[in-house]
C-alpha atoms as a PDB file:
ATOM      1  CA  MET A   1     296.193 232.871 152.391  1.00  0.00           C
ATOM      2  CA  SER A   2     299.017 232.822 149.891  1.00  0.00           C
ATOM      3  CA  THR A   3     297.807 236.054 148.104  1.00  0.00           C
ATOM      4  CA  GLU A   4     297.224 239.598 149.088  1.00  0.00           C
ATOM      5  CA  ALA A   5     293.543 239.372 147.942  1.00  0.00           C
ATOM      6  CA  ASN A   6     292.973 236.349 150.099  1.00  0.00           C
ATOM      7  CA  PHE A   7     294.511 237.864 153.179  1.00  0.00           C
ATOM      8  CA  ILE A   8     292.445 241.074 152.784  1.00  0.00           C
ATOM      9  CA  THR A   9     289.342 238.931 152.379  1.00  0.00           C
ATOM     10  CA  ALA A  10     290.080 237.276 155.728  1.00  0.00           C
ATOM     11  CA  LEU A  11     290.754 240.763 157.370  1.00  0.00           C
ATOM     12  CA  ARG A  12     287.231 241.844 156.452  1.00  0.00           C
ATOM     13  CA  ALA A  13     285.826 239.757 159.271  1.00  0.00           C
ATOM     14  CA  ILE A  14     287.835 242.031 161.708  1.00  0.00           C
ATOM     15  CA  ALA A  15     287.612 245.364 160.077  1.00  0.00           C
ATOM     16  CA  THR A  16     283.805 245.709 160.412  1.00  0.00           C
ATOM     17  CA  SER A  17     283.714 249.459 161.153  1.00  0.00           C
ATOM     18  CA  PRO A  18     281.918 251.511 158.382  1.00  0.00           C
ATOM     19  CA  ALA A  19     285.113 253.683 158.445  1.00  0.00           C
ATOM     20  CA  ALA A  20     287.080 250.758 157.070  1.00  0.00           C
ATOM     21  CA  ARG A  21     284.938 250.879 153.794  1.00  0.00           C
ATOM     22  CA  GLY A  22     285.060 247.089 153.642  1.00  0.00           C
ATOM     23  CA  LEU A  23     288.766 247.307 152.976  1.00  0.00           C
ATOM     24  CA  ALA A  24     287.806 247.795 149.395  1.00  0.00           C
ATOM     25  CA  ASP A  25     289.390 251.280 149.161  1.00  0.00           C
ATOM     26  CA  ASP A  26     292.738 252.918 149.583  1.00  0.00           C
ATOM     27  CA  ALA A  27     291.949 254.711 152.864  1.00  0.00           C
ATOM     28  CA  ALA A  28     289.609 254.688 155.848  1.00  0.00           C
ATOM     29  CA  VAL A  29     287.039 257.544 156.371  1.00  0.00           C
ATOM     30  CA  LEU A  30     286.274 258.201 159.986  1.00  0.00           C
ATOM     31  CA  ASP A  31     283.364 260.348 161.065  1.00  0.00           C
ATOM     32  CA  ILE A  32     284.113 262.513 164.042  1.00  0.00           C
ATOM     33  CA  GLY A  33     281.032 264.558 165.042  1.00  0.00           C
ATOM     34  CA  SER A  34     280.267 266.711 162.110  1.00  0.00           C
ATOM     35  CA  SER A  35     283.742 266.280 160.590  1.00  0.00           C
ATOM     36  CA  ARG A  36     285.513 263.539 158.764  1.00  0.00           C
ATOM     37  CA  LEU A  37     289.092 262.284 158.722  1.00  0.00           C
ATOM     38  CA  VAL A  38     290.762 260.242 155.932  1.00  0.00           C
ATOM     39  CA  LEU A  39     293.403 257.798 157.228  1.00  0.00           C
ATOM     40  CA  THR A  40     295.833 255.836 155.176  1.00  0.00           C
ATOM     41  CA  MET A  41     299.026 253.815 155.689  1.00  0.00           C
ATOM     42  CA  ASP A  42     301.548 252.726 153.090  1.00  0.00           C
ATOM     43  CA  ALA A  43     304.737 250.802 153.691  1.00  0.00           C
ATOM     44  CA  ILE A  44     307.773 250.513 151.488  1.00  0.00           C
ATOM     45  CA  VAL A  45     310.165 247.603 151.595  1.00  0.00           C
ATOM     46  CA  GLU A  46     313.745 247.431 150.222  1.00  0.00           C
ATOM     47  CA  GLY A  47     313.966 245.252 147.218  1.00  0.00           C
ATOM     48  CA  VAL A  48     310.259 245.463 146.577  1.00  0.00           C
ATOM     49  CA  HIS A  49     309.367 249.232 146.424  1.00  0.00           C
ATOM     50  CA  PHE A  50     312.860 250.612 146.268  1.00  0.00           C
ATOM     51  CA  LEU A  51     316.332 249.476 145.511  1.00  0.00           C
ATOM     52  CA  GLY A  52     318.997 248.961 148.075  1.00  0.00           C
ATOM     53  CA  ASP A  53     321.206 251.559 146.475  1.00  0.00           C
ATOM     54  CA  ASP A  54     318.599 254.263 145.994  1.00  0.00           C
ATOM     55  CA  PRO A  55     319.624 257.416 147.816  1.00  0.00           C
ATOM     56  CA  PRO A  56     318.061 257.626 151.255  1.00  0.00           C
ATOM     57  CA  GLU A  57     316.631 261.061 150.392  1.00  0.00           C
ATOM     58  CA  THR A  58     314.555 259.594 147.544  1.00  0.00           C
ATOM     59  CA  VAL A  59     313.395 256.684 149.753  1.00  0.00           C
ATOM     60  CA  ALA A  60     311.897 259.200 152.256  1.00  0.00           C
ATOM     61  CA  TRP A  61     310.316 261.183 149.417  1.00  0.00           C
ATOM     62  CA  LYS A  62     308.731 257.982 147.999  1.00  0.00           C
ATOM     63  CA  LEU A  63     307.407 256.994 151.390  1.00  0.00           C
ATOM     64  CA  VAL A  64     305.682 260.293 151.900  1.00  0.00           C
ATOM     65  CA  ALA A  65     304.486 260.677 148.301  1.00  0.00           C
ATOM     66  CA  THR A  66     302.776 257.165 148.195  1.00  0.00           C
ATOM     67  CA  ASN A  67     300.799 258.079 151.297  1.00  0.00           C
ATOM     68  CA  VAL A  68     299.970 261.587 149.869  1.00  0.00           C
ATOM     69  CA  SER A  69     298.765 259.889 146.751  1.00  0.00           C
ATOM     70  CA  ASP A  70     296.202 257.890 148.699  1.00  0.00           C
ATOM     71  CA  LEU A  71     294.937 261.034 150.259  1.00  0.00           C
ATOM     72  CA  THR A  72     294.799 262.770 146.909  1.00  0.00           C
ATOM     73  CA  ALA A  73     292.641 259.961 145.467  1.00  0.00           C
ATOM     74  CA  LYS A  74     290.086 260.571 148.369  1.00  0.00           C
ATOM     75  CA  GLY A  75     290.149 264.307 147.670  1.00  0.00           C
ATOM     76  CA  ALA A  76     291.622 264.920 151.056  1.00  0.00           C
ATOM     77  CA  ARG A  77     294.160 267.721 152.034  1.00  0.00           C
ATOM     78  CA  PRO A  78     297.154 266.322 153.902  1.00  0.00           C
ATOM     79  CA  ARG A  79     297.095 267.292 157.542  1.00  0.00           C
ATOM     80  CA  GLY A  80     299.770 265.193 159.195  1.00  0.00           C
ATOM     81  CA  CYS A  81     301.663 261.914 159.269  1.00  0.00           C
ATOM     82  CA  LEU A  82     303.226 259.408 161.623  1.00  0.00           C
ATOM     83  CA  LEU A  83     306.452 257.625 160.780  1.00  0.00           C
ATOM     84  CA  THR A  84     307.582 254.067 161.727  1.00  0.00           C
ATOM     85  CA  TYR A  85     311.398 253.905 161.233  1.00  0.00           C
ATOM     86  CA  PRO A  86     313.864 250.934 161.545  1.00  0.00           C
ATOM     87  CA  LEU A  87     317.207 251.879 163.111  1.00  0.00           C
ATOM     88  CA  THR A  88     319.972 249.762 161.838  1.00  0.00           C
ATOM     89  CA  GLY A  89     323.035 251.736 163.162  1.00  0.00           C
ATOM     90  CA  ASP A  90     323.813 253.410 159.847  1.00  0.00           C
ATOM     91  CA  ASP A  91     323.998 257.011 160.986  1.00  0.00           C
ATOM     92  CA  ALA A  92     324.748 258.351 157.452  1.00  0.00           C
ATOM     93  CA  TRP A  93     321.799 256.698 155.971  1.00  0.00           C
ATOM     94  CA  ASP A  94     319.573 257.973 158.741  1.00  0.00           C
ATOM     95  CA  ALA A  95     320.725 261.512 158.368  1.00  0.00           C
ATOM     96  CA  ALA A  96     320.269 261.441 154.626  1.00  0.00           C
ATOM     97  CA  PHE A  97     316.744 259.903 155.006  1.00  0.00           C
ATOM     98  CA  LEU A  98     315.782 262.715 157.426  1.00  0.00           C
ATOM     99  CA  CYS A  99     316.842 265.381 154.934  1.00  0.00           C
ATOM    100  CA  GLY A 100     314.613 263.729 152.388  1.00  0.00           C
ATOM    101  CA  LEU A 101     311.738 263.423 154.861  1.00  0.00           C
ATOM    102  CA  ASP A 102     311.966 267.107 155.742  1.00  0.00           C
ATOM    103  CA  GLU A 103     311.926 268.068 152.052  1.00  0.00           C
ATOM    104  CA  ALA A 104     309.056 265.843 151.198  1.00  0.00           C
ATOM    105  CA  CYS A 105     306.930 266.788 154.182  1.00  0.00           C
ATOM    106  CA  SER A 106     307.544 270.545 153.425  1.00  0.00           C
ATOM    107  CA  HIS A 107     306.711 270.011 149.678  1.00  0.00           C
ATOM    108  CA  PHE A 108     303.399 268.287 150.293  1.00  0.00           C
ATOM    109  CA  ALA A 109     302.594 270.382 153.360  1.00  0.00           C
ATOM    110  CA  ILE A 110     302.064 267.272 155.579  1.00  0.00           C
ATOM    111  CA  PRO A 111     303.617 267.891 159.004  1.00  0.00           C
ATOM    112  CA  LEU A 112     305.325 264.987 160.863  1.00  0.00           C
ATOM    113  CA  LEU A 113     303.275 264.513 164.108  1.00  0.00           C
ATOM    114  CA  GLY A 114     305.082 261.518 165.601  1.00  0.00           C
ATOM    115  CA  GLY A 115     305.477 257.776 165.153  1.00  0.00           C
ATOM    116  CA  ASP A 116     307.766 254.993 166.372  1.00  0.00           C
ATOM    117  CA  THR A 117     311.308 253.777 166.049  1.00  0.00           C
ATOM    118  CA  VAL A 118     312.311 250.220 166.111  1.00  0.00           C
ATOM    119  CA  HIS A 119     315.539 248.203 165.993  1.00  0.00           C
ATOM    120  CA  GLN A 120     316.281 246.347 162.822  1.00  0.00           C
ATOM    121  CA  PRO A 121     319.348 244.028 162.379  1.00  0.00           C
ATOM    122  CA  SER A 122     322.022 245.550 160.151  1.00  0.00           C
ATOM    123  CA  GLY A 123     321.999 244.169 156.652  1.00  0.00           C
ATOM    124  CA  SER A 124     318.396 243.108 156.550  1.00  0.00           C
ATOM    125  CA  PRO A 125     316.065 244.832 154.110  1.00  0.00           C
ATOM    126  CA  ARG A 126     314.592 248.117 155.353  1.00  0.00           C
ATOM    127  CA  ASN A 127     310.879 248.090 155.927  1.00  0.00           C
ATOM    128  CA  LEU A 128     309.438 251.695 156.468  1.00  0.00           C
ATOM    129  CA  SER A 129     305.846 252.681 156.963  1.00  0.00           C
ATOM    130  CA  LEU A 130     303.972 255.996 157.192  1.00  0.00           C
ATOM    131  CA  THR A 131     300.435 256.727 158.395  1.00  0.00           C
ATOM    132  CA  ALA A 132     298.911 259.806 156.761  1.00  0.00           C
ATOM    133  CA  LEU A 133     295.925 261.875 157.871  1.00  0.00           C
ATOM    134  CA  GLY A 134     293.900 264.020 155.525  1.00  0.00           C
ATOM    135  CA  GLU A 135     290.862 266.370 155.602  1.00  0.00           C
ATOM    136  CA  PRO A 136     288.289 265.849 152.825  1.00  0.00           C
ATOM    137  CA  HIS A 137     285.610 268.270 151.665  1.00  0.00           C
ATOM    138  CA  GLN A 138     283.102 268.288 154.531  1.00  0.00           C
ATOM    139  CA  ASP A 139     280.053 268.715 152.208  1.00  0.00           C
ATOM    140  CA  VAL A 140     281.160 266.327 149.380  1.00  0.00           C
ATOM    141  CA  ALA A 141     281.235 262.549 149.404  1.00  0.00           C
ATOM    142  CA  VAL A 142     284.644 261.187 149.807  1.00  0.00           C
ATOM    143  CA  PRO A 143     285.442 259.380 146.528  1.00  0.00           C
ATOM    144  CA  SER A 144     285.727 255.629 146.610  1.00  0.00           C
ATOM    145  CA  ARG A 145     286.557 252.796 144.089  1.00  0.00           C
ATOM    146  CA  ASN A 146     283.045 251.551 144.007  1.00  0.00           C
ATOM    147  CA  GLY A 147     280.914 254.426 142.542  1.00  0.00           C
ATOM    148  CA  ALA A 148     281.558 253.973 138.730  1.00  0.00           C
ATOM    149  CA  GLY A 149     278.544 253.403 136.603  1.00  0.00           C
ATOM    150  CA  PRO A 150     277.754 252.499 132.986  1.00  0.00           C
ATOM    151  CA  GLY A 151     278.285 255.381 130.653  1.00  0.00           C
ATOM    152  CA  ASP A 152     281.097 256.908 132.826  1.00  0.00           C
ATOM    153  CA  ARG A 153     284.323 257.875 131.163  1.00  0.00           C
ATOM    154  CA  LEU A 154     287.740 256.913 132.451  1.00  0.00           C
ATOM    155  CA  TRP A 155     290.505 259.409 132.826  1.00  0.00           C
ATOM    156  CA  VAL A 156     293.948 259.499 134.167  1.00  0.00           C
ATOM    157  CA  SER A 157     295.901 262.690 135.319  1.00  0.00           C
ATOM    158  CA  ALA A 158     299.353 262.059 133.951  1.00  0.00           C
ATOM    159  CA  ALA A 159     301.554 260.012 131.552  1.00  0.00           C
ATOM    160  CA  ILE A 160     301.739 256.289 132.400  1.00  0.00           C
ATOM    161  CA  GLY A 161     304.869 254.020 132.470  1.00  0.00           C
ATOM    162  CA  ASP A 162     307.687 256.461 133.217  1.00  0.00           C
ATOM    163  CA  ALA A 163     308.465 255.025 136.637  1.00  0.00           C
ATOM    164  CA  GLY A 164     308.458 251.442 135.232  1.00  0.00           C
ATOM    165  CA  LEU A 165     311.125 252.538 132.700  1.00  0.00           C
ATOM    166  CA  GLY A 166     312.951 254.275 135.391  1.00  0.00           C
ATOM    167  CA  LEU A 167     313.205 251.059 137.434  1.00  0.00           C
ATOM    168  CA  ALA A 168     314.372 249.058 134.361  1.00  0.00           C
ATOM    169  CA  LEU A 169     317.082 251.659 133.808  1.00  0.00           C
ATOM    170  CA  LEU A 170     318.260 251.437 137.365  1.00  0.00           C
ATOM    171  CA  LYS A 171     318.383 247.626 137.167  1.00  0.00           C
ATOM    172  CA  GLY A 172     320.469 247.850 133.960  1.00  0.00           C
ATOM    173  CA  GLU A 173     317.742 246.235 131.822  1.00  0.00           C
ATOM    174  CA  LEU A 174     317.939 249.058 129.129  1.00  0.00           C
ATOM    175  CA  ARG A 175     319.685 252.295 128.271  1.00  0.00           C
ATOM    176  CA  THR A 176     318.531 255.656 127.080  1.00  0.00           C
ATOM    177  CA  ASP A 177     319.992 259.165 126.570  1.00  0.00           C
ATOM    178  CA  HIS A 178     320.929 261.335 129.582  1.00  0.00           C
ATOM    179  CA  VAL A 179     317.862 263.583 129.552  1.00  0.00           C
ATOM    180  CA  SER A 180     315.396 260.791 129.236  1.00  0.00           C
ATOM    181  CA  HIS A 181     317.327 258.675 131.822  1.00  0.00           C
ATOM    182  CA  ASP A 182     317.112 261.347 134.525  1.00  0.00           C
ATOM    183  CA  ALA A 183     313.483 262.104 133.882  1.00  0.00           C
ATOM    184  CA  LEU A 184     312.438 258.398 134.028  1.00  0.00           C
ATOM    185  CA  VAL A 185     314.491 257.679 137.052  1.00  0.00           C
ATOM    186  CA  ALA A 186     312.983 260.746 138.751  1.00  0.00           C
ATOM    187  CA  ALA A 187     309.522 259.379 137.978  1.00  0.00           C
ATOM    188  CA  TYR A 188     310.389 256.094 139.829  1.00  0.00           C
ATOM    189  CA  ARG A 189     312.164 257.688 142.856  1.00  0.00           C
ATOM    190  CA  ARG A 190     310.263 260.940 143.322  1.00  0.00           C
ATOM    191  CA  PRO A 191     306.502 260.392 142.565  1.00  0.00           C
ATOM    192  CA  GLN A 192     304.491 263.738 142.283  1.00  0.00           C
ATOM    193  CA  PRO A 193     300.911 263.326 143.451  1.00  0.00           C
ATOM    194  CA  ASP A 194     298.790 266.511 143.405  1.00  0.00           C
ATOM    195  CA  PRO A 195     296.493 266.932 146.377  1.00  0.00           C
ATOM    196  CA  GLU A 196     294.959 270.096 145.067  1.00  0.00           C
ATOM    197  CA  LEU A 197     293.907 268.318 141.898  1.00  0.00           C
ATOM    198  CA  GLY A 198     292.216 265.515 143.990  1.00  0.00           C
ATOM    199  CA  LEU A 199     290.343 268.166 146.049  1.00  0.00           C
ATOM    200  CA  ALA A 200     289.236 269.928 142.907  1.00  0.00           C
ATOM    201  CA  LEU A 201     287.961 266.750 141.185  1.00  0.00           C
ATOM    202  CA  ALA A 202     286.240 265.073 144.159  1.00  0.00           C
ATOM    203  CA  PRO A 203     282.897 266.836 143.727  1.00  0.00           C
ATOM    204  CA  TYR A 204     282.504 265.614 140.108  1.00  0.00           C
ATOM    205  CA  VAL A 205     283.769 262.069 140.021  1.00  0.00           C
ATOM    206  CA  SER A 206     281.895 258.772 140.387  1.00  0.00           C
ATOM    207  CA  ALA A 207     284.937 256.861 141.556  1.00  0.00           C
ATOM    208  CA  MET A 208     288.656 257.711 142.033  1.00  0.00           C
ATOM    209  CA  MET A 209     291.842 256.019 143.121  1.00  0.00           C
ATOM    210  CA  ASP A 210     295.446 256.339 142.398  1.00  0.00           C
ATOM    211  CA  VAL A 211     297.406 254.237 139.908  1.00  0.00           C
ATOM    212  CA  SER A 212     300.091 252.432 142.151  1.00  0.00           C
ATOM    213  CA  ASP A 213     300.206 248.862 140.946  1.00  0.00           C
ATOM    214  CA  GLY A 214     299.607 249.360 137.292  1.00  0.00           C
ATOM    215  CA  LEU A 215     296.889 251.060 135.158  1.00  0.00           C
ATOM    216  CA  MET A 216     295.395 247.773 134.043  1.00  0.00           C
ATOM    217  CA  ILE A 217     295.152 246.007 137.476  1.00  0.00           C
ATOM    218  CA  ASP A 218     293.972 249.279 139.119  1.00  0.00           C
ATOM    219  CA  THR A 219     291.314 249.697 136.590  1.00  0.00           C
ATOM    220  CA  GLN A 220     290.239 246.192 136.913  1.00  0.00           C
ATOM    221  CA  ARG A 221     289.978 246.750 140.768  1.00  0.00           C
ATOM    222  CA  LEU A 222     287.889 249.807 140.269  1.00  0.00           C
ATOM    223  CA  ALA A 223     285.554 247.884 137.906  1.00  0.00           C
ATOM    224  CA  THR A 224     285.285 244.963 140.370  1.00  0.00           C
ATOM    225  CA  ALA A 225     284.526 247.293 143.254  1.00  0.00           C
ATOM    226  CA  SER A 226     281.869 249.084 141.238  1.00  0.00           C
ATOM    227  CA  GLU A 227     280.448 245.860 139.768  1.00  0.00           C
ATOM    228  CA  VAL A 228     280.823 247.131 136.286  1.00  0.00           C
ATOM    229  CA  ALA A 229     283.050 246.413 133.165  1.00  0.00           C
ATOM    230  CA  ALA A 230     285.884 248.707 132.232  1.00  0.00           C
ATOM    231  CA  VAL A 231     287.421 249.251 128.784  1.00  0.00           C
ATOM    232  CA  ILE A 232     290.881 250.841 128.298  1.00  0.00           C
ATOM    233  CA  GLU A 233     291.779 252.145 124.945  1.00  0.00           C
ATOM    234  CA  LEU A 234     295.483 251.606 124.905  1.00  0.00           C
ATOM    235  CA  ASP A 235     296.208 253.960 122.114  1.00  0.00           C
ATOM    236  CA  GLN A 236     294.691 256.830 124.116  1.00  0.00           C
ATOM    237  CA  VAL A 237     296.841 256.184 127.296  1.00  0.00           C
ATOM    238  CA  PRO A 238     299.234 259.126 127.638  1.00  0.00           C
ATOM    239  CA  LEU A 239     302.962 258.503 127.303  1.00  0.00           C
ATOM    240  CA  SER A 240     305.631 261.059 128.047  1.00  0.00           C
ATOM    241  CA  ARG A 241     308.323 262.199 125.457  1.00  0.00           C
ATOM    242  CA  ALA A 242     310.920 260.437 127.572  1.00  0.00           C
ATOM    243  CA  PHE A 243     308.963 257.221 127.469  1.00  0.00           C
ATOM    244  CA  LEU A 244     308.407 257.416 123.674  1.00  0.00           C
ATOM    245  CA  MET A 245     312.131 258.162 123.109  1.00  0.00           C
ATOM    246  CA  THR A 246     313.157 255.199 125.157  1.00  0.00           C
ATOM    247  CA  ALA A 247     310.505 252.513 124.514  1.00  0.00           C
ATOM    248  CA  GLY A 248     308.415 253.781 121.560  1.00  0.00           C
ATOM    249  CA  GLY A 249     304.679 253.859 121.419  1.00  0.00           C
ATOM    250  CA  ASP A 250     303.639 250.613 119.877  1.00  0.00           C
ATOM    251  CA  LEU A 251     301.305 248.084 121.358  1.00  0.00           C
ATOM    252  CA  GLY A 252     304.131 246.268 123.282  1.00  0.00           C
ATOM    253  CA  ALA A 253     305.278 249.486 124.872  1.00  0.00           C
ATOM    254  CA  ARG A 254     301.778 250.526 125.846  1.00  0.00           C
ATOM    255  CA  LEU A 255     301.127 247.195 127.481  1.00  0.00           C
ATOM    256  CA  PHE A 256     304.400 247.637 129.401  1.00  0.00           C
ATOM    257  CA  ALA A 257     303.339 251.062 130.490  1.00  0.00           C
ATOM    258  CA  ALA A 258     299.871 249.922 131.614  1.00  0.00           C
ATOM    259  CA  ALA A 259     301.272 247.060 133.742  1.00  0.00           C
ATOM    260  CA  ALA A 260     304.383 248.835 135.207  1.00  0.00           C
ATOM    261  CA  GLY A 261     302.972 250.655 138.177  1.00  0.00           C
ATOM    262  CA  ASP A 262     304.467 253.277 140.451  1.00  0.00           C
ATOM    263  CA  ASP A 263     302.750 255.979 138.395  1.00  0.00           C
ATOM    264  CA  TYR A 264     300.964 257.619 141.471  1.00  0.00           C
ATOM    265  CA  CYS A 265     298.593 259.678 139.342  1.00  0.00           C
ATOM    266  CA  LEU A 266     294.768 259.691 139.531  1.00  0.00           C
ATOM    267  CA  LEU A 267     292.479 257.218 137.902  1.00  0.00           C
ATOM    268  CA  LEU A 268     288.873 258.426 137.810  1.00  0.00           C
ATOM    269  CA  ALA A 269     285.469 257.681 136.438  1.00  0.00           C
ATOM    270  CA  ALA A 270     283.039 260.414 135.836  1.00  0.00           C
ATOM    271  CA  PRO A 271     279.720 260.852 133.923  1.00  0.00           C
ATOM    272  CA  ALA A 272     279.985 262.359 130.480  1.00  0.00           C
ATOM    273  CA  SER A 273     277.952 265.216 131.755  1.00  0.00           C
ATOM    274  CA  SER A 274     280.767 266.094 134.126  1.00  0.00           C
ATOM    275  CA  GLN A 275     283.397 266.416 131.486  1.00  0.00           C
ATOM    276  CA  SER A 276     283.468 270.200 131.228  1.00  0.00           C
ATOM    277  CA  ALA A 277     283.565 270.432 135.044  1.00  0.00           C
ATOM    278  CA  ILE A 278     286.387 268.026 135.562  1.00  0.00           C
ATOM    279  CA  LEU A 279     288.430 269.689 132.780  1.00  0.00           C
ATOM    280  CA  ALA A 280     287.827 273.122 134.230  1.00  0.00           C
ATOM    281  CA  ALA A 281     288.846 271.819 137.748  1.00  0.00           C
ATOM    282  CA  ALA A 282     292.059 270.395 136.286  1.00  0.00           C
ATOM    283  CA  ALA A 283     292.800 273.581 134.395  1.00  0.00           C
ATOM    284  CA  MET A 284     292.457 275.626 137.625  1.00  0.00           C
ATOM    285  CA  CYS A 285     295.077 273.327 139.135  1.00  0.00           C
ATOM    286  CA  LYS A 286     297.268 273.699 136.064  1.00  0.00           C
ATOM    287  CA  ALA A 287     297.007 269.991 135.510  1.00  0.00           C
ATOM    288  CA  SER A 288     295.824 267.836 132.607  1.00  0.00           C
ATOM    289  CA  LEU A 289     293.287 264.967 132.295  1.00  0.00           C
ATOM    290  CA  TYR A 290     293.440 262.301 129.612  1.00  0.00           C
ATOM    291  CA  PRO A 291     290.454 260.200 128.494  1.00  0.00           C
ATOM    292  CA  ILE A 292     291.560 256.556 128.311  1.00  0.00           C
ATOM    293  CA  GLY A 293     288.290 254.521 128.143  1.00  0.00           C
ATOM    294  CA  ARG A 294     284.893 253.883 129.562  1.00  0.00           C
ATOM    295  CA  ILE A 295     282.608 251.986 131.919  1.00  0.00           C
ATOM    296  CA  MET A 296     280.005 249.662 130.711  1.00  0.00           C
ATOM    297  CA  GLU A 297     277.534 247.153 132.066  1.00  0.00           C
ATOM    298  CA  GLY A 298     279.012 243.780 132.777  1.00  0.00           C
ATOM    299  CA  GLN A 299     282.149 242.817 134.599  1.00  0.00           C
ATOM    300  CA  GLY A 300     285.915 242.622 134.193  1.00  0.00           C
ATOM    301  CA  LEU A 301     288.526 244.519 132.076  1.00  0.00           C
ATOM    302  CA  SER A 302     288.754 244.749 128.264  1.00  0.00           C
ATOM    303  CA  LEU A 303     291.533 246.339 126.172  1.00  0.00           C
ATOM    304  CA  LEU A 304     291.283 248.029 122.761  1.00  0.00           C
ATOM    305  CA  TYR A 305     294.059 249.152 120.509  1.00  0.00           C
ATOM    306  CA  ASP A 306     293.253 251.161 117.379  1.00  0.00           C
ATOM    307  CA  GLY A 307     289.590 250.057 117.924  1.00  0.00           C
ATOM    308  CA  GLU A 308     290.388 246.284 117.901  1.00  0.00           C
ATOM    309  CA  ALA A 309     290.019 244.128 121.003  1.00  0.00           C
ATOM    310  CA  ILE A 310     293.297 242.898 122.603  1.00  0.00           C
ATOM    311  CA  THR A 311     293.764 239.791 124.630  1.00  0.00           C
ATOM    312  CA  LEU A 312     294.500 240.561 128.281  1.00  0.00           C
ATOM    313  CA  PRO A 313     298.273 239.833 129.194  1.00  0.00           C
ATOM    314  CA  ALA A 314     298.904 237.330 131.895  1.00  0.00           C
ATOM    315  CA  ARG A 315     300.444 240.127 134.100  1.00  0.00           C
ATOM    316  CA  LEU A 316     298.136 243.085 134.595  1.00  0.00           C
ATOM    317  CA  GLY A 317     300.375 244.773 137.246  1.00  0.00           C
ATOM    318  CA  PHE A 318     302.082 244.343 140.610  1.00  0.00           C
ATOM    319  CA  GLU A 319     300.591 242.050 143.199  1.00  0.00           C
ATOM    320  CA  HIS A 320     302.214 241.078 146.505  1.00  0.00           C
END
């Protein structure tokens, strides 16, 4: 069981409740009488999901935002969260983290309901987790990864790749001007999922998930779950001005963006007949949607650039 995929496959023998969705989605959906509850849990680990010298306030923000992103992809309104927190004896770090936690919970309207504290030896990498609870539409199917069908179009809700460049900047792997630097670092440290957009889109999509590990690998996962083929048109993938100023917009830059991860925007498949509806829903939320490809019969992921087929890179995104 050396890979994440192998371990999850083994877990499916235990997670047999229908609420678990076969462990093929980003969240569980629990029926409670005539109501439903969406549950998700994300952990972030120092040195894997955040850097050891990241400000504690931004670590707290990222922990909340990654969980809210999963709720957003299920069209669920945040209703509460439970925190597991390691105490290392660093009172200053704890105090700063709590300030960031308060800010993030307030921003995303997700009240802290409880949780657990544990002792962690000083100097070891911090490991934090949050469980988030959300309320979906009660009369609309909760979107999953596995509903996409041939003829659907693929969309994303924000520019791709900024967080990846932000991480590279923080690690000293490249440099850029002050304005772009700050915007890219903020994309890495303070993701901005939009729960209202997820709620608005849920009635019209065939499948929806968030982009966390990279656009290519997450699109491949959506296609695999739906038993279809997906095509990404790399030249249509949205890139921010800060990204373009720092890395450009050629094929290499676009492949980097599509593999970088930490975008925490929405990836959705929707029938062509739903285009007007999803664009109107996004406009009502003062958000944008960008068409990036399509769903076809078959299996796997394909890439196009200026209409020409591109060989898949060895690395499609982040894997544990």
